[in-house]
């Protein structure tokens, strides 16, 4: 499964990176047809869109490979999440670290990618209270 990590020069991107001590402010799963599935607050949640739309305002991006054992299961999970809302509680969770990021009623972008990778067989985040782009990068190595 391939994921795209993105950063931009926008205020929201800078705030996310500053709070997480992070190089990346957004993540999406890259589909074979060049589209992505991601979760954003601007669109209100999980959606499918063109990779070019994701990269339109990016100042940098990186494609990583998350070595899932069952890519079909990861993709099926992602498609089941389409239409779910953005996880605004994740913003509060950054401060308190007291939340279950696996609550599949809503998603923050990094959490959606990690949950899809877990559905595909990666067990890299079982003890974490939050997931970041750095942790996604580590799982790709």
N, C-alpha and C. Protein backbone atom coordinates (compact mmCIF):
# COMPACT_ATOMS: atom_id res chain seq x y z
N UNK A 1 0.86 -1.17 0.00
CA UNK A 1 0.00 0.00 0.00
C UNK A 1 0.90 1.23 0.00
N UNK A 2 0.60 2.15 -0.89
CA UNK A 2 1.40 3.37 -0.94
C UNK A 2 0.63 4.53 -0.32
N UNK A 3 1.36 5.36 0.39
CA UNK A 3 0.77 6.55 1.01
C UNK A 3 1.57 7.76 0.58
N UNK A 4 0.91 8.91 0.61
CA UNK A 4 1.54 10.17 0.27
C UNK A 4 1.55 11.03 1.52
N UNK A 5 2.72 11.52 1.89
CA UNK A 5 2.88 12.46 3.00
C UNK A 5 3.10 13.83 2.39
N UNK A 6 2.42 14.85 2.93
CA UNK A 6 2.42 16.17 2.31
C UNK A 6 2.65 17.25 3.36
N UNK A 7 3.27 18.33 2.93
CA UNK A 7 3.31 19.54 3.75
C UNK A 7 3.06 20.72 2.83
N UNK A 8 2.56 21.79 3.42
CA UNK A 8 2.27 23.02 2.67
C UNK A 8 2.77 24.20 3.50
N UNK A 9 2.69 25.36 2.92
CA UNK A 9 3.09 26.58 3.64
C UNK A 9 1.89 27.30 4.25
N UNK A 10 0.77 26.62 4.37
CA UNK A 10 -0.43 27.23 4.95
C UNK A 10 -0.32 27.28 6.47
N UNK A 11 -1.14 28.11 7.08
CA UNK A 11 -1.16 28.23 8.53
C UNK A 11 -1.56 26.90 9.18
N UNK A 12 -2.57 26.24 8.65
CA UNK A 12 -3.00 24.97 9.25
C UNK A 12 -1.89 23.92 9.17
N UNK A 13 -1.18 23.86 8.05
CA UNK A 13 -0.07 22.93 7.91
C UNK A 13 1.04 23.25 8.91
N UNK A 14 1.35 24.52 9.04
CA UNK A 14 2.40 24.91 10.00
C UNK A 14 2.01 24.56 11.43
N UNK A 15 0.74 24.77 11.79
CA UNK A 15 0.28 24.46 13.14
C UNK A 15 0.34 22.96 13.42
N UNK A 16 -0.09 22.16 12.47
CA UNK A 16 -0.04 20.70 12.66
C UNK A 16 1.40 20.25 12.81
N UNK A 17 2.28 20.73 11.95
CA UNK A 17 3.68 20.31 12.04
C UNK A 17 4.33 20.79 13.34
N UNK A 18 4.01 21.99 13.78
CA UNK A 18 4.58 22.52 15.01
C UNK A 18 4.11 21.71 16.22
N UNK A 19 2.83 21.39 16.25
CA UNK A 19 2.28 20.67 17.40
C UNK A 19 2.80 19.25 17.48
N UNK A 20 2.97 18.60 16.34
CA UNK A 20 3.43 17.21 16.32
C UNK A 20 4.95 17.09 16.20
N UNK A 21 5.66 18.19 16.12
CA UNK A 21 7.11 18.16 15.84
C UNK A 21 7.34 17.27 14.63
N UNK A 22 6.77 17.67 13.54
CA UNK A 22 6.55 16.80 12.39
C UNK A 22 6.98 17.49 11.10
N UNK A 23 7.45 16.72 10.14
CA UNK A 23 7.76 17.25 8.81
C UNK A 23 6.53 17.31 7.91
N UNK A 24 5.49 16.54 8.25
CA UNK A 24 4.34 16.38 7.37
C UNK A 24 3.07 16.83 8.07
N UNK A 25 2.15 17.38 7.30
CA UNK A 25 0.88 17.83 7.88
C UNK A 25 -0.33 17.09 7.33
N UNK A 26 -0.11 16.23 6.35
CA UNK A 26 -1.23 15.51 5.75
C UNK A 26 -0.75 14.18 5.20
N UNK A 27 -1.67 13.21 5.19
CA UNK A 27 -1.38 11.90 4.62
C UNK A 27 -2.60 11.41 3.86
N UNK A 28 -2.35 10.65 2.82
CA UNK A 28 -3.41 10.07 2.00
C UNK A 28 -2.93 8.72 1.49
N UNK A 29 -3.85 7.83 1.20
CA UNK A 29 -3.51 6.55 0.59
C UNK A 29 -3.63 6.70 -0.91
N UNK A 30 -2.59 6.32 -1.61
CA UNK A 30 -2.54 6.42 -3.06
C UNK A 30 -3.17 5.17 -3.67
N UNK A 31 -4.18 5.38 -4.50
CA UNK A 31 -4.85 4.27 -5.18
C UNK A 31 -4.15 3.97 -6.50
N UNK A 32 -4.30 2.76 -7.04
CA UNK A 32 -3.63 2.40 -8.29
C UNK A 32 -3.96 3.31 -9.47
N UNK A 33 -5.13 3.94 -9.47
CA UNK A 33 -5.53 4.78 -10.60
C UNK A 33 -5.05 6.23 -10.48
N UNK A 34 -4.23 6.53 -9.48
CA UNK A 34 -3.72 7.89 -9.32
C UNK A 34 -4.58 8.78 -8.45
N UNK A 35 -5.68 8.26 -7.95
CA UNK A 35 -6.49 8.99 -6.99
C UNK A 35 -6.00 8.66 -5.58
N UNK A 36 -6.53 9.37 -4.60
CA UNK A 36 -6.22 9.09 -3.21
C UNK A 36 -7.51 9.02 -2.40
N UNK A 37 -7.42 8.40 -1.24
CA UNK A 37 -8.45 8.50 -0.22
C UNK A 37 -7.79 9.14 0.97
N UNK A 38 -8.41 10.21 1.47
CA UNK A 38 -7.85 10.93 2.61
C UNK A 38 -8.96 11.53 3.46
N UNK A 39 -8.57 12.10 4.58
CA UNK A 39 -9.51 12.78 5.47
C UNK A 39 -9.01 14.20 5.67
N UNK A 40 -9.88 15.18 5.40
CA UNK A 40 -9.50 16.58 5.59
C UNK A 40 -10.63 17.35 6.24
N UNK A 41 -10.24 18.37 6.98
CA UNK A 41 -11.26 19.21 7.62
C UNK A 41 -11.94 20.11 6.60
N UNK A 42 -11.23 20.49 5.54
CA UNK A 42 -11.81 21.38 4.53
C UNK A 42 -13.02 20.75 3.84
N UNK A 43 -12.93 19.45 3.57
CA UNK A 43 -14.04 18.77 2.90
C UNK A 43 -14.96 18.09 3.91
N UNK A 44 -14.60 18.16 5.16
CA UNK A 44 -15.46 17.61 6.20
C UNK A 44 -15.33 16.12 6.43
N UNK A 45 -14.28 15.50 5.91
CA UNK A 45 -14.12 14.09 6.21
C UNK A 45 -13.40 13.29 5.15
N UNK A 46 -13.74 12.00 5.10
CA UNK A 46 -13.06 11.04 4.24
C UNK A 46 -13.65 11.10 2.84
N UNK A 47 -12.75 11.22 1.87
CA UNK A 47 -13.21 11.31 0.48
C UNK A 47 -12.16 10.76 -0.47
N UNK A 48 -12.59 10.56 -1.68
CA UNK A 48 -11.72 10.12 -2.77
C UNK A 48 -11.54 11.31 -3.69
N UNK A 49 -10.28 11.58 -4.09
CA UNK A 49 -10.04 12.70 -4.99
C UNK A 49 -8.74 12.48 -5.77
N UNK A 50 -8.46 13.37 -6.70
CA UNK A 50 -7.26 13.27 -7.52
C UNK A 50 -6.02 13.62 -6.72
N UNK A 51 -4.95 12.89 -6.97
CA UNK A 51 -3.68 13.20 -6.33
C UNK A 51 -3.25 14.62 -6.66
N UNK A 52 -3.50 15.07 -7.87
CA UNK A 52 -3.11 16.43 -8.26
C UNK A 52 -3.81 17.47 -7.39
N UNK A 53 -5.03 17.19 -6.91
CA UNK A 53 -5.71 18.12 -6.01
C UNK A 53 -5.02 18.19 -4.65
N UNK A 54 -4.52 17.05 -4.19
CA UNK A 54 -3.80 16.99 -2.91
C UNK A 54 -2.49 17.77 -3.01
N UNK A 55 -1.82 17.64 -4.14
CA UNK A 55 -0.50 18.25 -4.30
C UNK A 55 -0.54 19.68 -4.81
N UNK A 56 -1.71 20.18 -5.14
CA UNK A 56 -1.84 21.52 -5.72
C UNK A 56 -1.24 22.62 -4.84
N UNK A 57 -1.35 22.48 -3.53
CA UNK A 57 -0.83 23.51 -2.62
C UNK A 57 0.33 23.00 -1.78
N UNK A 58 0.88 21.86 -2.16
CA UNK A 58 1.97 21.26 -1.39
C UNK A 58 3.28 21.98 -1.64
N UNK A 59 4.05 22.14 -0.59
CA UNK A 59 5.41 22.66 -0.75
C UNK A 59 6.40 21.50 -0.82
N UNK A 60 5.97 20.31 -0.36
CA UNK A 60 6.79 19.10 -0.44
C UNK A 60 5.88 17.90 -0.26
N UNK A 61 6.31 16.76 -0.81
CA UNK A 61 5.58 15.52 -0.59
C UNK A 61 6.53 14.35 -0.72
N UNK A 62 6.09 13.23 -0.19
CA UNK A 62 6.89 12.00 -0.24
C UNK A 62 5.93 10.83 -0.36
N UNK A 63 6.22 9.91 -1.28
CA UNK A 63 5.44 8.69 -1.41
C UNK A 63 6.18 7.59 -0.65
N UNK A 64 5.46 6.92 0.24
CA UNK A 64 6.05 5.83 1.01
C UNK A 64 5.29 4.54 0.74
N UNK A 65 5.96 3.42 0.92
CA UNK A 65 5.33 2.12 0.77
C UNK A 65 5.14 1.52 2.15
N UNK A 66 3.89 1.23 2.50
CA UNK A 66 3.59 0.54 3.75
C UNK A 66 3.37 -0.92 3.40
N UNK A 67 4.27 -1.80 3.83
CA UNK A 67 4.24 -3.20 3.38
C UNK A 67 3.15 -4.03 4.05
N UNK A 68 1.93 -3.85 3.60
CA UNK A 68 0.81 -4.61 4.15
C UNK A 68 0.80 -6.02 3.58
N UNK A 69 0.35 -6.97 4.37
CA UNK A 69 0.26 -8.36 3.92
C UNK A 69 -0.95 -8.57 3.01
N UNK A 70 -2.01 -7.80 3.24
CA UNK A 70 -3.26 -7.97 2.50
C UNK A 70 -3.77 -6.61 2.02
N UNK A 71 -3.29 -6.20 0.84
CA UNK A 71 -3.66 -4.89 0.32
C UNK A 71 -5.16 -4.80 0.01
N UNK A 72 -5.76 -5.90 -0.40
CA UNK A 72 -7.20 -5.89 -0.68
C UNK A 72 -7.99 -5.56 0.58
N UNK A 73 -7.58 -6.08 1.72
CA UNK A 73 -8.26 -5.78 2.98
C UNK A 73 -8.08 -4.31 3.36
N UNK A 74 -6.88 -3.78 3.13
CA UNK A 74 -6.63 -2.36 3.41
C UNK A 74 -7.50 -1.48 2.53
N UNK A 75 -7.61 -1.80 1.25
CA UNK A 75 -8.42 -1.01 0.33
C UNK A 75 -9.91 -1.13 0.65
N UNK A 76 -10.34 -2.32 1.01
CA UNK A 76 -11.76 -2.51 1.38
C UNK A 76 -12.08 -1.67 2.61
N UNK A 77 -11.19 -1.67 3.60
CA UNK A 77 -11.39 -0.85 4.79
C UNK A 77 -11.52 0.63 4.40
N UNK A 78 -10.60 1.11 3.57
CA UNK A 78 -10.62 2.52 3.16
C UNK A 78 -11.94 2.89 2.49
N UNK A 79 -12.38 2.06 1.59
CA UNK A 79 -13.63 2.35 0.88
C UNK A 79 -14.84 2.35 1.82
N UNK A 80 -14.78 1.56 2.88
CA UNK A 80 -15.86 1.57 3.87
C UNK A 80 -15.88 2.87 4.69
N UNK A 81 -14.76 3.59 4.70
CA UNK A 81 -14.67 4.82 5.49
C UNK A 81 -15.13 6.06 4.72
N UNK A 82 -15.32 5.93 3.40
CA UNK A 82 -15.73 7.08 2.59
C UNK A 82 -17.02 7.70 3.13
N UNK A 83 -17.00 9.02 3.24
CA UNK A 83 -18.17 9.74 3.74
C UNK A 83 -18.17 9.97 5.24
N UNK A 84 -17.27 9.31 5.97
CA UNK A 84 -17.22 9.54 7.41
C UNK A 84 -16.63 10.92 7.69
N UNK A 85 -17.00 11.54 8.80
CA UNK A 85 -16.56 12.92 9.07
C UNK A 85 -15.10 13.01 9.51
N UNK A 86 -14.59 14.22 9.44
CA UNK A 86 -13.25 14.53 9.94
C UNK A 86 -13.26 14.42 11.46
N UNK A 87 -12.18 13.96 12.03
CA UNK A 87 -12.09 13.77 13.48
C UNK A 87 -11.55 15.04 14.15
N UNK A 88 -12.45 15.94 14.49
CA UNK A 88 -12.06 17.17 15.17
C UNK A 88 -11.50 16.90 16.56
N UNK A 89 -11.90 15.77 17.16
CA UNK A 89 -11.38 15.42 18.49
C UNK A 89 -9.88 15.17 18.46
N UNK A 90 -9.35 14.87 17.28
CA UNK A 90 -7.90 14.64 17.18
C UNK A 90 -7.12 15.89 17.56
N UNK A 91 -7.68 17.06 17.26
CA UNK A 91 -7.01 18.31 17.63
C UNK A 91 -6.89 18.41 19.15
N UNK A 92 -7.97 18.10 19.86
CA UNK A 92 -7.93 18.10 21.32
C UNK A 92 -7.01 16.98 21.81
N UNK A 93 -7.04 15.86 21.13
CA UNK A 93 -6.21 14.71 21.49
C UNK A 93 -4.72 15.01 21.44
N UNK A 94 -4.31 15.93 20.59
CA UNK A 94 -2.90 16.30 20.57
C UNK A 94 -2.46 16.84 21.91
N UNK A 95 -3.33 17.60 22.54
CA UNK A 95 -2.99 18.22 23.82
C UNK A 95 -3.08 17.23 24.97
N UNK A 96 -4.08 16.37 24.94
CA UNK A 96 -4.31 15.49 26.08
C UNK A 96 -3.75 14.08 25.89
N UNK A 97 -3.59 13.65 24.65
CA UNK A 97 -3.16 12.28 24.33
C UNK A 97 -4.05 11.24 25.02
N UNK A 98 -5.28 11.62 25.28
CA UNK A 98 -6.20 10.74 25.98
C UNK A 98 -7.39 10.42 25.09
N UNK A 99 -7.15 9.60 24.08
CA UNK A 99 -8.23 9.24 23.17
C UNK A 99 -7.84 7.99 22.40
N UNK A 100 -8.82 7.34 21.85
CA UNK A 100 -8.58 6.15 21.04
C UNK A 100 -8.64 6.55 19.57
N UNK A 101 -7.51 6.61 18.91
CA UNK A 101 -7.49 7.04 17.51
C UNK A 101 -8.15 6.01 16.59
N UNK A 102 -8.44 4.84 17.08
CA UNK A 102 -9.05 3.80 16.26
C UNK A 102 -10.59 3.89 16.22
N UNK A 103 -11.16 4.91 16.83
CA UNK A 103 -12.62 5.10 16.76
C UNK A 103 -12.98 5.39 15.31
N UNK A 104 -13.61 4.43 14.65
CA UNK A 104 -13.83 4.57 13.20
C UNK A 104 -15.09 5.36 12.84
N UNK A 105 -15.61 6.15 13.77
CA UNK A 105 -16.76 6.99 13.43
C UNK A 105 -16.32 8.28 12.74
N UNK A 106 -15.03 8.65 12.87
CA UNK A 106 -14.46 9.83 12.21
C UNK A 106 -12.95 9.66 12.14
N UNK A 107 -12.30 10.41 11.22
CA UNK A 107 -10.87 10.20 11.00
C UNK A 107 -10.08 11.50 10.84
N UNK A 108 -8.86 11.49 11.38
CA UNK A 108 -7.80 12.44 11.10
C UNK A 108 -6.93 11.76 10.04
N UNK A 109 -6.30 12.50 9.16
CA UNK A 109 -5.64 11.91 7.99
C UNK A 109 -4.61 10.83 8.33
N UNK A 110 -3.71 11.10 9.29
CA UNK A 110 -2.68 10.11 9.64
C UNK A 110 -3.32 8.85 10.21
N UNK A 111 -4.37 9.04 11.00
CA UNK A 111 -5.05 7.91 11.62
C UNK A 111 -5.74 7.03 10.58
N UNK A 112 -6.33 7.64 9.58
CA UNK A 112 -6.99 6.88 8.51
C UNK A 112 -5.99 6.00 7.78
N UNK A 113 -4.84 6.55 7.45
CA UNK A 113 -3.80 5.77 6.76
C UNK A 113 -3.31 4.63 7.65
N UNK A 114 -3.06 4.92 8.93
CA UNK A 114 -2.59 3.88 9.85
C UNK A 114 -3.64 2.78 10.02
N UNK A 115 -4.91 3.16 10.13
CA UNK A 115 -5.98 2.17 10.30
C UNK A 115 -6.10 1.28 9.06
N UNK A 116 -5.94 1.87 7.87
CA UNK A 116 -5.98 1.07 6.64
C UNK A 116 -4.80 0.10 6.61
N UNK A 117 -3.62 0.57 7.02
CA UNK A 117 -2.45 -0.30 7.06
C UNK A 117 -2.66 -1.43 8.07
N UNK A 118 -3.27 -1.12 9.22
CA UNK A 118 -3.57 -2.17 10.19
C UNK A 118 -4.56 -3.18 9.62
N UNK A 119 -5.56 -2.69 8.89
CA UNK A 119 -6.53 -3.60 8.26
C UNK A 119 -5.84 -4.52 7.26
N UNK A 120 -4.73 -4.04 6.70
CA UNK A 120 -3.96 -4.84 5.76
C UNK A 120 -2.90 -5.71 6.41
N UNK A 121 -2.77 -5.62 7.73
CA UNK A 121 -1.86 -6.54 8.42
C UNK A 121 -0.67 -5.93 9.14
N UNK A 122 -0.48 -4.63 9.08
CA UNK A 122 0.64 -4.01 9.81
C UNK A 122 0.18 -3.73 11.24
N UNK A 123 0.99 -4.14 12.21
CA UNK A 123 0.67 -3.90 13.62
C UNK A 123 1.75 -3.02 14.23
N UNK A 124 1.89 -1.81 13.72
CA UNK A 124 2.97 -0.93 14.16
C UNK A 124 2.55 0.10 15.18
N UNK A 125 1.24 0.26 15.40
CA UNK A 125 0.77 1.37 16.23
C UNK A 125 -0.12 0.91 17.37
N UNK A 126 -0.02 -0.33 17.79
CA UNK A 126 -0.96 -0.88 18.76
C UNK A 126 -0.95 -0.17 20.11
N UNK A 127 0.14 0.44 20.51
CA UNK A 127 0.19 1.08 21.83
C UNK A 127 0.22 2.60 21.78
N UNK A 128 -0.07 3.19 20.63
CA UNK A 128 0.02 4.64 20.49
C UNK A 128 -1.31 5.33 20.74
N UNK A 129 -1.25 6.51 21.34
CA UNK A 129 -2.45 7.33 21.55
C UNK A 129 -2.72 8.23 20.34
N UNK A 130 -1.69 8.46 19.51
CA UNK A 130 -1.88 9.22 18.27
C UNK A 130 -0.87 8.75 17.24
N UNK A 131 -1.17 8.99 15.99
CA UNK A 131 -0.31 8.57 14.88
C UNK A 131 0.11 9.82 14.12
N UNK A 132 1.37 9.84 13.71
CA UNK A 132 1.90 10.98 12.95
C UNK A 132 2.52 10.49 11.64
N UNK A 133 2.87 11.44 10.80
CA UNK A 133 3.56 11.10 9.55
C UNK A 133 4.90 10.43 9.80
N UNK A 134 5.59 10.87 10.85
CA UNK A 134 6.88 10.27 11.20
C UNK A 134 6.71 8.79 11.48
N UNK A 135 5.65 8.43 12.22
CA UNK A 135 5.41 7.03 12.53
C UNK A 135 5.05 6.24 11.29
N UNK A 136 4.32 6.84 10.37
CA UNK A 136 4.04 6.18 9.10
C UNK A 136 5.33 5.94 8.33
N UNK A 137 6.20 6.94 8.31
CA UNK A 137 7.51 6.78 7.64
C UNK A 137 8.31 5.63 8.25
N UNK A 138 8.33 5.53 9.57
CA UNK A 138 9.08 4.46 10.24
C UNK A 138 8.55 3.10 9.86
N UNK A 139 7.25 2.95 9.73
CA UNK A 139 6.65 1.67 9.36
C UNK A 139 6.98 1.30 7.92
N UNK A 140 7.36 2.27 7.11
CA UNK A 140 7.66 2.00 5.69
C UNK A 140 9.09 1.50 5.50
N UNK A 141 9.88 1.56 6.54
CA UNK A 141 11.31 1.16 6.41
C UNK A 141 11.53 -0.30 6.71
